[in-house]
PDB file of all heavy atoms in Angstrom:
ATOM      1  N   ARG A   1     -38.248 -51.292  20.847  1.00  0.00           N
ATOM      2  CA  ARG A   1     -37.211 -51.410  21.952  1.00  0.00           C
ATOM      3  C   ARG A   1     -35.746 -51.534  21.357  1.00  0.00           C
ATOM      4  O   ARG A   1     -35.745 -52.208  20.231  1.00  0.00           O
ATOM      5  CB  ARG A   1     -37.456 -52.767  22.721  1.00  0.00           C
ATOM      6  CG  ARG A   1     -36.599 -52.870  24.005  1.00  0.00           C
ATOM      7  CD  ARG A   1     -37.001 -52.007  25.124  1.00  0.00           C
ATOM      8  NE  ARG A   1     -36.153 -52.284  26.278  1.00  0.00           N
ATOM      9  CZ  ARG A   1     -35.961 -51.412  27.231  1.00  0.00           C
ATOM     10  NH1 ARG A   1     -36.499 -50.224  27.116  1.00  0.00           N
ATOM     11  NH2 ARG A   1     -35.287 -51.750  28.302  1.00  0.00           N
ATOM     12  N   LEU A   2     -34.729 -50.971  21.881  1.00  0.00           N
ATOM     13  CA  LEU A   2     -33.448 -51.002  21.378  1.00  0.00           C
ATOM     14  C   LEU A   2     -32.457 -51.330  22.508  1.00  0.00           C
ATOM     15  O   LEU A   2     -32.384 -50.708  23.482  1.00  0.00           O
ATOM     16  CB  LEU A   2     -33.071 -49.630  20.696  1.00  0.00           C
ATOM     17  CG  LEU A   2     -31.857 -49.767  19.828  1.00  0.00           C
ATOM     18  CD1 LEU A   2     -31.783 -48.687  18.770  1.00  0.00           C
ATOM     19  CD2 LEU A   2     -30.483 -49.601  20.713  1.00  0.00           C
ATOM     20  N   HIS A   3     -31.847 -52.604  22.319  1.00  0.00           N
ATOM     21  CA  HIS A   3     -30.765 -52.982  23.280  1.00  0.00           C
ATOM     22  C   HIS A   3     -29.413 -52.825  22.573  1.00  0.00           C
ATOM     23  O   HIS A   3     -29.121 -53.381  21.595  1.00  0.00           O
ATOM     24  CB  HIS A   3     -30.977 -54.441  23.587  1.00  0.00           C
ATOM     25  CG  HIS A   3     -32.337 -54.820  24.105  1.00  0.00           C
ATOM     26  ND1 HIS A   3     -32.741 -54.523  25.391  1.00  0.00           N
ATOM     27  CD2 HIS A   3     -33.365 -55.399  23.537  1.00  0.00           C
ATOM     28  CE1 HIS A   3     -33.997 -55.002  25.619  1.00  0.00           C
ATOM     29  NE2 HIS A   3     -34.421 -55.453  24.343  1.00  0.00           N
ATOM     30  N   LEU A   4     -28.528 -51.821  23.200  1.00  0.00           N
ATOM     31  CA  LEU A   4     -27.376 -51.613  22.701  1.00  0.00           C
ATOM     32  C   LEU A   4     -26.176 -52.282  23.539  1.00  0.00           C
ATOM     33  O   LEU A   4     -26.109 -52.128  24.689  1.00  0.00           O
ATOM     34  CB  LEU A   4     -27.041 -50.085  22.785  1.00  0.00           C
ATOM     35  CG  LEU A   4     -25.663 -49.592  22.396  1.00  0.00           C
ATOM     36  CD1 LEU A   4     -25.389 -49.936  20.821  1.00  0.00           C
ATOM     37  CD2 LEU A   4     -25.387 -48.082  22.614  1.00  0.00           C
ATOM     38  N   PHE A   5     -25.586 -53.332  22.888  1.00  0.00           N
ATOM     39  CA  PHE A   5     -24.534 -54.106  23.605  1.00  0.00           C
ATOM     40  C   PHE A   5     -23.203 -53.351  23.372  1.00  0.00           C
ATOM     41  O   PHE A   5     -22.593 -53.417  22.221  1.00  0.00           O
ATOM     42  CB  PHE A   5     -24.639 -55.489  23.028  1.00  0.00           C
ATOM     43  CG  PHE A   5     -25.860 -56.210  23.332  1.00  0.00           C
ATOM     44  CD1 PHE A   5     -27.014 -56.092  22.672  1.00  0.00           C
ATOM     45  CD2 PHE A   5     -25.898 -57.062  24.472  1.00  0.00           C
ATOM     46  CE1 PHE A   5     -28.193 -56.923  22.990  1.00  0.00           C
ATOM     47  CE2 PHE A   5     -26.998 -57.733  24.843  1.00  0.00           C
ATOM     48  CZ  PHE A   5     -28.136 -57.617  24.121  1.00  0.00           C
ATOM     49  N   GLN A   6     -22.739 -53.007  24.521  1.00  0.00           N
ATOM     50  CA  GLN A   6     -21.429 -52.148  24.629  1.00  0.00           C
ATOM     51  C   GLN A   6     -20.257 -52.999  25.287  1.00  0.00           C
ATOM     52  O   GLN A   6     -20.569 -53.398  26.463  1.00  0.00           O
ATOM     53  CB  GLN A   6     -21.738 -50.737  25.362  1.00  0.00           C
ATOM     54  CG  GLN A   6     -20.352 -50.112  25.606  1.00  0.00           C
ATOM     55  CD  GLN A   6     -20.628 -48.926  26.592  1.00  0.00           C
ATOM     56  OE1 GLN A   6     -21.093 -47.910  26.213  1.00  0.00           O
ATOM     57  NE2 GLN A   6     -20.401 -49.174  27.842  1.00  0.00           N
ATOM     58  N   ARG A   7     -19.333 -53.243  24.569  1.00  0.00           N
ATOM     59  CA  ARG A   7     -18.225 -53.949  25.112  1.00  0.00           C
ATOM     60  C   ARG A   7     -17.241 -52.955  25.865  1.00  0.00           C
ATOM     61  O   ARG A   7     -16.824 -53.266  27.080  1.00  0.00           O
ATOM     62  CB  ARG A   7     -17.339 -54.734  24.087  1.00  0.00           C
ATOM     63  CG  ARG A   7     -16.211 -55.574  24.692  1.00  0.00           C
ATOM     64  CD  ARG A   7     -15.424 -56.203  23.530  1.00  0.00           C
ATOM     65  NE  ARG A   7     -14.786 -55.377  22.578  1.00  0.00           N
ATOM     66  CZ  ARG A   7     -14.026 -55.739  21.496  1.00  0.00           C
ATOM     67  NH1 ARG A   7     -13.979 -56.997  21.265  1.00  0.00           N
ATOM     68  NH2 ARG A   7     -13.434 -54.795  20.751  1.00  0.00           N
ATOM     69  N   THR A   8     -17.116 -51.733  25.205  1.00  0.00           N
ATOM     70  CA  THR A   8     -16.197 -50.777  25.746  1.00  0.00           C
ATOM     71  C   THR A   8     -16.825 -49.418  25.531  1.00  0.00           C
ATOM     72  O   THR A   8     -17.218 -49.197  24.316  1.00  0.00           O
ATOM     73  CB  THR A   8     -14.739 -50.771  25.168  1.00  0.00           C
ATOM     74  OG1 THR A   8     -14.275 -52.152  25.238  1.00  0.00           O
ATOM     75  CG2 THR A   8     -13.887 -49.835  26.020  1.00  0.00           C
ATOM     76  N   ALA A   9     -16.943 -48.494  26.492  1.00  0.00           N
ATOM     77  CA  ALA A   9     -17.444 -47.269  26.298  1.00  0.00           C
ATOM     78  C   ALA A   9     -16.472 -46.405  25.520  1.00  0.00           C
ATOM     79  O   ALA A   9     -15.327 -46.341  25.726  1.00  0.00           O
ATOM     80  CB  ALA A   9     -17.737 -46.549  27.710  1.00  0.00           C
ATOM     81  N   PRO A  10     -17.025 -45.703  24.469  1.00  0.00           N
ATOM     82  CA  PRO A  10     -16.027 -44.950  23.515  1.00  0.00           C
ATOM     83  C   PRO A  10     -15.990 -43.551  24.006  1.00  0.00           C
ATOM     84  O   PRO A  10     -16.827 -43.072  24.760  1.00  0.00           O
ATOM     85  CB  PRO A  10     -16.800 -44.932  22.185  1.00  0.00           C
ATOM     86  CG  PRO A  10     -18.280 -45.080  22.463  1.00  0.00           C
ATOM     87  CD  PRO A  10     -18.310 -45.885  23.710  1.00  0.00           C
ATOM     88  N   TRP A  11     -14.769 -42.943  23.702  1.00  0.00           N
ATOM     89  CA  TRP A  11     -14.717 -41.471  23.841  1.00  0.00           C
ATOM     90  C   TRP A  11     -15.531 -40.711  22.824  1.00  0.00           C
ATOM     91  O   TRP A  11     -15.408 -40.987  21.597  1.00  0.00           O
ATOM     92  CB  TRP A  11     -13.306 -40.963  23.807  1.00  0.00           C
ATOM     93  CG  TRP A  11     -12.441 -41.232  24.983  1.00  0.00           C
ATOM     94  CD1 TRP A  11     -11.579 -42.340  25.265  1.00  0.00           C
ATOM     95  CD2 TRP A  11     -12.298 -40.449  26.225  1.00  0.00           C
ATOM     96  NE1 TRP A  11     -11.023 -42.199  26.429  1.00  0.00           N
ATOM     97  CE2 TRP A  11     -11.491 -41.063  27.141  1.00  0.00           C
ATOM     98  CE3 TRP A  11     -13.111 -39.322  26.590  1.00  0.00           C
ATOM     99  CZ2 TRP A  11     -11.215 -40.675  28.458  1.00  0.00           C
ATOM    100  CZ3 TRP A  11     -12.713 -38.837  27.902  1.00  0.00           C
ATOM    101  CH2 TRP A  11     -11.761 -39.489  28.727  1.00  0.00           C
ATOM    102  N   VAL A  12     -16.491 -40.033  23.161  1.00  0.00           N
ATOM    103  CA  VAL A  12     -17.576 -39.230  22.372  1.00  0.00           C
ATOM    104  C   VAL A  12     -17.296 -37.814  22.542  1.00  0.00           C
ATOM    105  O   VAL A  12     -17.334 -37.214  23.656  1.00  0.00           O
ATOM    106  CB  VAL A  12     -18.843 -39.659  22.622  1.00  0.00           C
ATOM    107  CG1 VAL A  12     -19.750 -38.850  21.607  1.00  0.00           C
ATOM    108  CG2 VAL A  12     -19.005 -41.124  22.458  1.00  0.00           C
ATOM    109  N   MET A  13     -16.882 -36.974  21.440  1.00  0.00           N
ATOM    110  CA  MET A  13     -16.657 -35.665  21.626  1.00  0.00           C
ATOM    111  C   MET A  13     -17.779 -34.865  20.849  1.00  0.00           C
ATOM    112  O   MET A  13     -18.434 -35.429  19.979  1.00  0.00           O
ATOM    113  CB  MET A  13     -15.365 -35.296  20.920  1.00  0.00           C
ATOM    114  CG  MET A  13     -14.186 -36.068  21.370  1.00  0.00           C
ATOM    115  SD  MET A  13     -13.810 -35.812  23.092  1.00  0.00           S
ATOM    116  CE  MET A  13     -12.860 -34.245  23.068  1.00  0.00           C
ATOM    117  N   PRO A  14     -18.124 -33.638  21.229  1.00  0.00           N
ATOM    118  CA  PRO A  14     -19.023 -32.883  20.514  1.00  0.00           C
ATOM    119  C   PRO A  14     -18.806 -32.876  18.959  1.00  0.00           C
ATOM    120  O   PRO A  14     -17.578 -32.669  18.634  1.00  0.00           O
ATOM    121  CB  PRO A  14     -19.017 -31.345  21.145  1.00  0.00           C
ATOM    122  CG  PRO A  14     -18.245 -31.583  22.459  1.00  0.00           C
ATOM    123  CD  PRO A  14     -17.375 -32.888  22.240  1.00  0.00           C
ATOM    124  N   ARG A  15     -19.823 -32.959  18.177  1.00  0.00           N
ATOM    125  CA  ARG A  15     -19.693 -32.921  16.779  1.00  0.00           C
ATOM    126  C   ARG A  15     -19.884 -31.480  16.253  1.00  0.00           C
ATOM    127  O   ARG A  15     -19.160 -31.059  15.171  1.00  0.00           O
ATOM    128  CB  ARG A  15     -20.767 -34.019  16.192  1.00  0.00           C
ATOM    129  CG  ARG A  15     -20.691 -34.152  14.668  1.00  0.00           C
ATOM    130  CD  ARG A  15     -21.736 -35.182  14.232  1.00  0.00           C
ATOM    131  NE  ARG A  15     -21.592 -35.423  12.853  1.00  0.00           N
ATOM    132  CZ  ARG A  15     -20.856 -36.398  12.327  1.00  0.00           C
ATOM    133  NH1 ARG A  15     -20.081 -36.985  13.022  1.00  0.00           N
ATOM    134  NH2 ARG A  15     -20.883 -36.661  10.949  1.00  0.00           N
ATOM    135  N   PHE A  16     -20.753 -30.785  16.856  1.00  0.00           N
ATOM    136  CA  PHE A  16     -20.979 -29.389  16.360  1.00  0.00           C
ATOM    137  C   PHE A  16     -21.462 -29.283  14.870  1.00  0.00           C
ATOM    138  O   PHE A  16     -21.026 -28.515  14.083  1.00  0.00           O
ATOM    139  CB  PHE A  16     -19.766 -28.431  16.487  1.00  0.00           C
ATOM    140  CG  PHE A  16     -19.399 -28.401  17.793  1.00  0.00           C
ATOM    141  CD1 PHE A  16     -17.938 -28.637  18.265  1.00  0.00           C
ATOM    142  CD2 PHE A  16     -20.183 -27.815  18.883  1.00  0.00           C
ATOM    143  CE1 PHE A  16     -17.568 -28.589  19.548  1.00  0.00           C
ATOM    144  CE2 PHE A  16     -19.778 -27.770  20.193  1.00  0.00           C
ATOM    145  CZ  PHE A  16     -18.463 -28.134  20.615  1.00  0.00           C
ATOM    146  N   ASP A  17     -22.175 -30.315  14.594  1.00  0.00           N
ATOM    147  CA  ASP A  17     -22.765 -30.514  13.148  1.00  0.00           C
ATOM    148  C   ASP A  17     -23.997 -29.441  12.980  1.00  0.00           C
ATOM    149  O   ASP A  17     -24.673 -29.181  13.966  1.00  0.00           O
ATOM    150  CB  ASP A  17     -23.191 -31.882  12.837  1.00  0.00           C
ATOM    151  CG  ASP A  17     -23.571 -32.025  11.443  1.00  0.00           C
ATOM    152  OD1 ASP A  17     -23.141 -31.339  10.573  1.00  0.00           O
ATOM    153  OD2 ASP A  17     -24.278 -32.985  11.161  1.00  0.00           O
ATOM    154  N   ARG A  18     -24.077 -29.046  11.782  1.00  0.00           N
ATOM    155  CA  ARG A  18     -25.235 -28.096  11.518  1.00  0.00           C
ATOM    156  C   ARG A  18     -25.471 -27.967  10.092  1.00  0.00           C
ATOM    157  O   ARG A  18     -24.497 -28.253   9.195  1.00  0.00           O
ATOM    158  CB  ARG A  18     -25.085 -26.686  12.128  1.00  0.00           C
ATOM    159  CG  ARG A  18     -23.794 -25.887  11.537  1.00  0.00           C
ATOM    160  CD  ARG A  18     -23.761 -24.516  12.066  1.00  0.00           C
ATOM    161  NE  ARG A  18     -22.641 -23.892  11.444  1.00  0.00           N
ATOM    162  CZ  ARG A  18     -22.647 -23.236  10.396  1.00  0.00           C
ATOM    163  NH1 ARG A  18     -23.799 -23.123   9.586  1.00  0.00           N
ATOM    164  NH2 ARG A  18     -21.550 -22.617   9.856  1.00  0.00           N
ATOM    165  N   ALA A  19     -26.561 -27.514   9.605  1.00  0.00           N
ATOM    166  CA  ALA A  19     -26.908 -27.292   8.185  1.00  0.00           C
ATOM    167  C   ALA A  19     -26.286 -25.994   7.865  1.00  0.00           C
ATOM    168  O   ALA A  19     -26.323 -25.028   8.558  1.00  0.00           O
ATOM    169  CB  ALA A  19     -28.354 -27.437   7.878  1.00  0.00           C
ATOM    170  N   TYR A  20     -25.713 -25.978   6.606  1.00  0.00           N
ATOM    171  CA  TYR A  20     -25.249 -24.718   6.197  1.00  0.00           C
ATOM    172  C   TYR A  20     -26.373 -23.675   5.807  1.00  0.00           C
ATOM    173  O   TYR A  20     -27.490 -24.132   5.222  1.00  0.00           O
ATOM    174  CB  TYR A  20     -24.441 -24.679   4.878  1.00  0.00           C
ATOM    175  CG  TYR A  20     -23.001 -25.273   5.236  1.00  0.00           C
ATOM    176  CD1 TYR A  20     -22.503 -26.440   4.784  1.00  0.00           C
ATOM    177  CD2 TYR A  20     -22.132 -24.422   6.014  1.00  0.00           C
ATOM    178  CE1 TYR A  20     -21.340 -26.883   5.053  1.00  0.00           C
ATOM    179  CE2 TYR A  20     -20.848 -24.783   6.264  1.00  0.00           C
ATOM    180  CZ  TYR A  20     -20.432 -26.120   5.798  1.00  0.00           C
ATOM    181  OH  TYR A  20     -19.105 -26.623   6.007  1.00  0.00           O
ATOM    182  N   ALA A  21     -26.476 -22.372   6.156  1.00  0.00           N
ATOM    183  CA  ALA A  21     -27.415 -21.511   5.892  1.00  0.00           C
ATOM    184  C   ALA A  21     -27.442 -21.205   4.368  1.00  0.00           C
ATOM    185  O   ALA A  21     -26.298 -21.441   3.697  1.00  0.00           O
ATOM    186  CB  ALA A  21     -27.321 -20.217   6.527  1.00  0.00           C
ATOM    187  N   GLY A  22     -28.483 -20.708   3.735  1.00  0.00           N
ATOM    188  CA  GLY A  22     -28.498 -20.525   2.369  1.00  0.00           C
ATOM    189  C   GLY A  22     -27.415 -19.518   2.001  1.00  0.00           C
ATOM    190  O   GLY A  22     -26.801 -19.703   0.778  1.00  0.00           O
ATOM    191  N   TRP A  23     -27.180 -18.406   2.686  1.00  0.00           N
ATOM    192  CA  TRP A  23     -26.135 -17.482   2.389  1.00  0.00           C
ATOM    193  C   TRP A  23     -24.780 -18.312   2.305  1.00  0.00           C
ATOM    194  O   TRP A  23     -23.963 -17.742   1.467  1.00  0.00           O
ATOM    195  CB  TRP A  23     -26.275 -16.290   3.161  1.00  0.00           C
ATOM    196  CG  TRP A  23     -25.805 -16.473   4.548  1.00  0.00           C
ATOM    197  CD1 TRP A  23     -26.737 -16.744   5.657  1.00  0.00           C
ATOM    198  CD2 TRP A  23     -24.363 -16.415   5.187  1.00  0.00           C
ATOM    199  NE1 TRP A  23     -25.972 -16.881   6.811  1.00  0.00           N
ATOM    200  CE2 TRP A  23     -24.551 -16.679   6.529  1.00  0.00           C
ATOM    201  CE3 TRP A  23     -23.332 -16.136   4.552  1.00  0.00           C
ATOM    202  CZ2 TRP A  23     -23.561 -16.766   7.348  1.00  0.00           C
ATOM    203  CZ3 TRP A  23     -22.116 -16.195   5.483  1.00  0.00           C
ATOM    204  CH2 TRP A  23     -22.269 -16.492   6.814  1.00  0.00           C
ATOM    205  N   GLU A  24     -24.610 -19.080   3.222  1.00  0.00           N
ATOM    206  CA  GLU A  24     -23.202 -19.718   3.353  1.00  0.00           C
ATOM    207  C   GLU A  24     -22.974 -20.561   2.087  1.00  0.00           C
ATOM    208  O   GLU A  24     -21.981 -20.618   1.520  1.00  0.00           O
ATOM    209  CB  GLU A  24     -23.119 -20.533   4.581  1.00  0.00           C
ATOM    210  CG  GLU A  24     -23.129 -19.782   5.875  1.00  0.00           C
ATOM    211  CD  GLU A  24     -23.091 -20.762   7.106  1.00  0.00           C
ATOM    212  OE1 GLU A  24     -24.247 -21.495   7.337  1.00  0.00           O
ATOM    213  OE2 GLU A  24     -22.024 -20.818   7.785  1.00  0.00           O
ATOM    214  N   ARG A  25     -24.035 -21.304   1.716  1.00  0.00           N
ATOM    215  CA  ARG A  25     -23.901 -22.243   0.562  1.00  0.00           C
ATOM    216  C   ARG A  25     -23.676 -21.337  -0.701  1.00  0.00           C
ATOM    217  O   ARG A  25     -22.941 -21.724  -1.605  1.00  0.00           O
ATOM    218  CB  ARG A  25     -25.062 -23.126   0.385  1.00  0.00           C
ATOM    219  CG  ARG A  25     -25.190 -24.031   1.488  1.00  0.00           C
ATOM    220  CD  ARG A  25     -26.356 -25.013   1.349  1.00  0.00           C
ATOM    221  NE  ARG A  25     -26.189 -26.016   0.238  1.00  0.00           N
ATOM    222  CZ  ARG A  25     -27.216 -26.835  -0.151  1.00  0.00           C
ATOM    223  NH1 ARG A  25     -28.284 -27.008   0.405  1.00  0.00           N
ATOM    224  NH2 ARG A  25     -26.897 -27.605  -1.159  1.00  0.00           N
ATOM    225  N   GLY A  26     -24.383 -20.251  -0.745  1.00  0.00           N
ATOM    226  CA  GLY A  26     -24.308 -19.308  -1.863  1.00  0.00           C
ATOM    227  C   GLY A  26     -22.740 -18.822  -2.049  1.00  0.00           C
ATOM    228  O   GLY A  26     -22.181 -18.791  -3.116  1.00  0.00           O
ATOM    229  N   LEU A  27     -22.333 -18.391  -0.914  1.00  0.00           N
ATOM    230  CA  LEU A  27     -20.893 -17.846  -0.874  1.00  0.00           C
ATOM    231  C   LEU A  27     -19.945 -19.013  -1.218  1.00  0.00           C
ATOM    232  O   LEU A  27     -18.926 -18.742  -1.978  1.00  0.00           O
ATOM    233  CB  LEU A  27     -20.545 -17.452   0.608  1.00  0.00           C
ATOM    234  CG  LEU A  27     -19.295 -16.629   0.839  1.00  0.00           C
ATOM    235  CD1 LEU A  27     -19.313 -15.344  -0.034  1.00  0.00           C
ATOM    236  CD2 LEU A  27     -19.063 -16.347   2.202  1.00  0.00           C
ATOM    237  N   LEU A  28     -20.114 -20.253  -0.634  1.00  0.00           N
ATOM    238  CA  LEU A  28     -19.238 -21.297  -0.886  1.00  0.00           C
ATOM    239  C   LEU A  28     -19.301 -21.678  -2.446  1.00  0.00           C
ATOM    240  O   LEU A  28     -18.288 -22.190  -2.980  1.00  0.00           O
ATOM    241  CB  LEU A  28     -19.526 -22.542  -0.029  1.00  0.00           C
ATOM    242  CG  LEU A  28     -19.125 -22.246   1.428  1.00  0.00           C
ATOM    243  CD1 LEU A  28     -19.864 -23.367   2.314  1.00  0.00           C
ATOM    244  CD2 LEU A  28     -17.654 -22.431   1.665  1.00  0.00           C
ATOM    245  N   ARG A  29     -20.461 -21.610  -2.912  1.00  0.00           N
ATOM    246  CA  ARG A  29     -20.652 -22.059  -4.405  1.00  0.00           C
ATOM    247  C   ARG A  29     -19.995 -20.968  -5.311  1.00  0.00           C
ATOM    248  O   ARG A  29     -19.532 -21.439  -6.322  1.00  0.00           O
ATOM    249  CB  ARG A  29     -22.122 -21.989  -4.607  1.00  0.00           C
ATOM    250  CG  ARG A  29     -22.523 -22.657  -6.095  1.00  0.00           C
ATOM    251  CD  ARG A  29     -24.054 -22.662  -6.221  1.00  0.00           C
ATOM    252  NE  ARG A  29     -24.847 -23.425  -5.243  1.00  0.00           N
ATOM    253  CZ  ARG A  29     -25.662 -22.827  -4.205  1.00  0.00           C
ATOM    254  NH1 ARG A  29     -25.764 -21.547  -4.315  1.00  0.00           N
ATOM    255  NH2 ARG A  29     -26.242 -23.561  -3.456  1.00  0.00           N
ATOM    256  N   ALA A  30     -20.050 -19.843  -4.970  1.00  0.00           N
ATOM    257  CA  ALA A  30     -19.754 -18.716  -5.913  1.00  0.00           C
ATOM    258  C   ALA A  30     -18.263 -18.406  -5.834  1.00  0.00           C
ATOM    259  O   ALA A  30     -17.596 -17.979  -6.763  1.00  0.00           O
ATOM    260  CB  ALA A  30     -20.478 -17.401  -5.646  1.00  0.00           C
ATOM    261  N   LEU A  31     -17.595 -18.650  -4.589  1.00  0.00           N
ATOM    262  CA  LEU A  31     -16.217 -18.337  -4.442  1.00  0.00           C
ATOM    263  C   LEU A  31     -15.184 -19.445  -4.060  1.00  0.00           C
ATOM    264  O   LEU A  31     -15.223 -19.909  -2.859  1.00  0.00           O
ATOM    265  CB  LEU A  31     -16.152 -17.226  -3.243  1.00  0.00           C
ATOM    266  CG  LEU A  31     -16.823 -15.879  -3.472  1.00  0.00           C
ATOM    267  CD1 LEU A  31     -16.788 -15.134  -2.223  1.00  0.00           C
ATOM    268  CD2 LEU A  31     -16.415 -15.212  -4.639  1.00  0.00           C
ATOM    269  N   PRO A  32     -14.664 -20.077  -5.121  1.00  0.00           N
ATOM    270  CA  PRO A  32     -13.650 -21.123  -4.884  1.00  0.00           C
ATOM    271  C   PRO A  32     -12.587 -20.735  -3.761  1.00  0.00           C
ATOM    272  O   PRO A  32     -12.150 -21.489  -3.047  1.00  0.00           O
ATOM    273  CB  PRO A  32     -13.056 -21.426  -6.178  1.00  0.00           C
ATOM    274  CG  PRO A  32     -14.126 -20.824  -7.258  1.00  0.00           C
ATOM    275  CD  PRO A  32     -14.721 -19.693  -6.525  1.00  0.00           C
ATOM    276  N   ALA A  33     -12.057 -19.524  -3.842  1.00  0.00           N
ATOM    277  CA  ALA A  33     -11.065 -19.014  -2.832  1.00  0.00           C
ATOM    278  C   ALA A  33     -11.698 -19.211  -1.383  1.00  0.00           C
ATOM    279  O   ALA A  33     -10.978 -19.577  -0.495  1.00  0.00           O
ATOM    280  CB  ALA A  33     -10.703 -17.560  -3.106  1.00  0.00           C
ATOM    281  N   TRP A  34     -12.962 -18.847  -1.255  1.00  0.00           N
ATOM    282  CA  TRP A  34     -13.555 -18.937   0.133  1.00  0.00           C
ATOM    283  C   TRP A  34     -13.588 -20.539   0.461  1.00  0.00           C
ATOM    284  O   TRP A  34     -13.322 -20.748   1.747  1.00  0.00           O
ATOM    285  CB  TRP A  34     -14.956 -18.411   0.150  1.00  0.00           C
ATOM    286  CG  TRP A  34     -15.552 -18.560   1.562  1.00  0.00           C
ATOM    287  CD1 TRP A  34     -16.674 -19.132   1.879  1.00  0.00           C
ATOM    288  CD2 TRP A  34     -15.116 -17.806   2.693  1.00  0.00           C
ATOM    289  NE1 TRP A  34     -16.954 -19.057   3.224  1.00  0.00           N
ATOM    290  CE2 TRP A  34     -16.089 -18.132   3.728  1.00  0.00           C
ATOM    291  CE3 TRP A  34     -14.079 -17.045   3.081  1.00  0.00           C
ATOM    292  CZ2 TRP A  34     -15.926 -17.786   5.082  1.00  0.00           C
ATOM    293  CZ3 TRP A  34     -13.894 -16.692   4.356  1.00  0.00           C
ATOM    294  CH2 TRP A  34     -14.778 -16.964   5.271  1.00  0.00           C
ATOM    295  N   ARG A  35     -13.907 -21.393  -0.403  1.00  0.00           N
ATOM    296  CA  ARG A  35     -13.839 -22.852  -0.112  1.00  0.00           C
ATOM    297  C   ARG A  35     -12.439 -23.232   0.288  1.00  0.00           C
ATOM    298  O   ARG A  35     -12.282 -24.037   1.198  1.00  0.00           O
ATOM    299  CB  ARG A  35     -14.373 -23.588  -1.372  1.00  0.00           C
ATOM    300  CG  ARG A  35     -15.843 -23.443  -1.655  1.00  0.00           C
ATOM    301  CD  ARG A  35     -16.308 -24.399  -2.524  1.00  0.00           C
ATOM    302  NE  ARG A  35     -15.757 -24.801  -3.851  1.00  0.00           N
ATOM    303  CZ  ARG A  35     -16.013 -24.144  -4.966  1.00  0.00           C
ATOM    304  NH1 ARG A  35     -17.051 -23.293  -4.978  1.00  0.00           N
ATOM    305  NH2 ARG A  35     -15.299 -24.455  -6.040  1.00  0.00           N
ATOM    306  N   TRP A  36     -11.443 -22.757  -0.372  1.00  0.00           N
ATOM    307  CA  TRP A  36     -10.099 -23.068  -0.054  1.00  0.00           C
ATOM    308  C   TRP A  36      -9.775 -22.574   1.349  1.00  0.00           C
ATOM    309  O   TRP A  36      -9.093 -23.319   2.070  1.00  0.00           O
ATOM    310  CB  TRP A  36      -9.179 -22.370  -1.046  1.00  0.00           C
ATOM    311  CG  TRP A  36      -7.685 -22.778  -0.848  1.00  0.00           C
ATOM    312  CD1 TRP A  36      -6.998 -23.838  -1.282  1.00  0.00           C
ATOM    313  CD2 TRP A  36      -6.775 -21.995  -0.119  1.00  0.00           C
ATOM    314  NE1 TRP A  36      -5.750 -23.896  -0.836  1.00  0.00           N
ATOM    315  CE2 TRP A  36      -5.482 -22.731  -0.099  1.00  0.00           C
ATOM    316  CE3 TRP A  36      -6.757 -20.800   0.644  1.00  0.00           C
ATOM    317  CZ2 TRP A  36      -4.451 -22.263   0.562  1.00  0.00           C
ATOM    318  CZ3 TRP A  36      -5.696 -20.302   1.250  1.00  0.00           C
ATOM    319  CH2 TRP A  36      -4.544 -21.134   1.148  1.00  0.00           C
TER     320      TRP A  36
END
């Protein structure tokens, strides 16, 4: 059981978090200019 005690409701926006695909990490790892 979890009781969450809230004094004030926060504004919560979408995070749009995700894991990087293998090809994305490979590109970011290999190309500093792309990371920039």
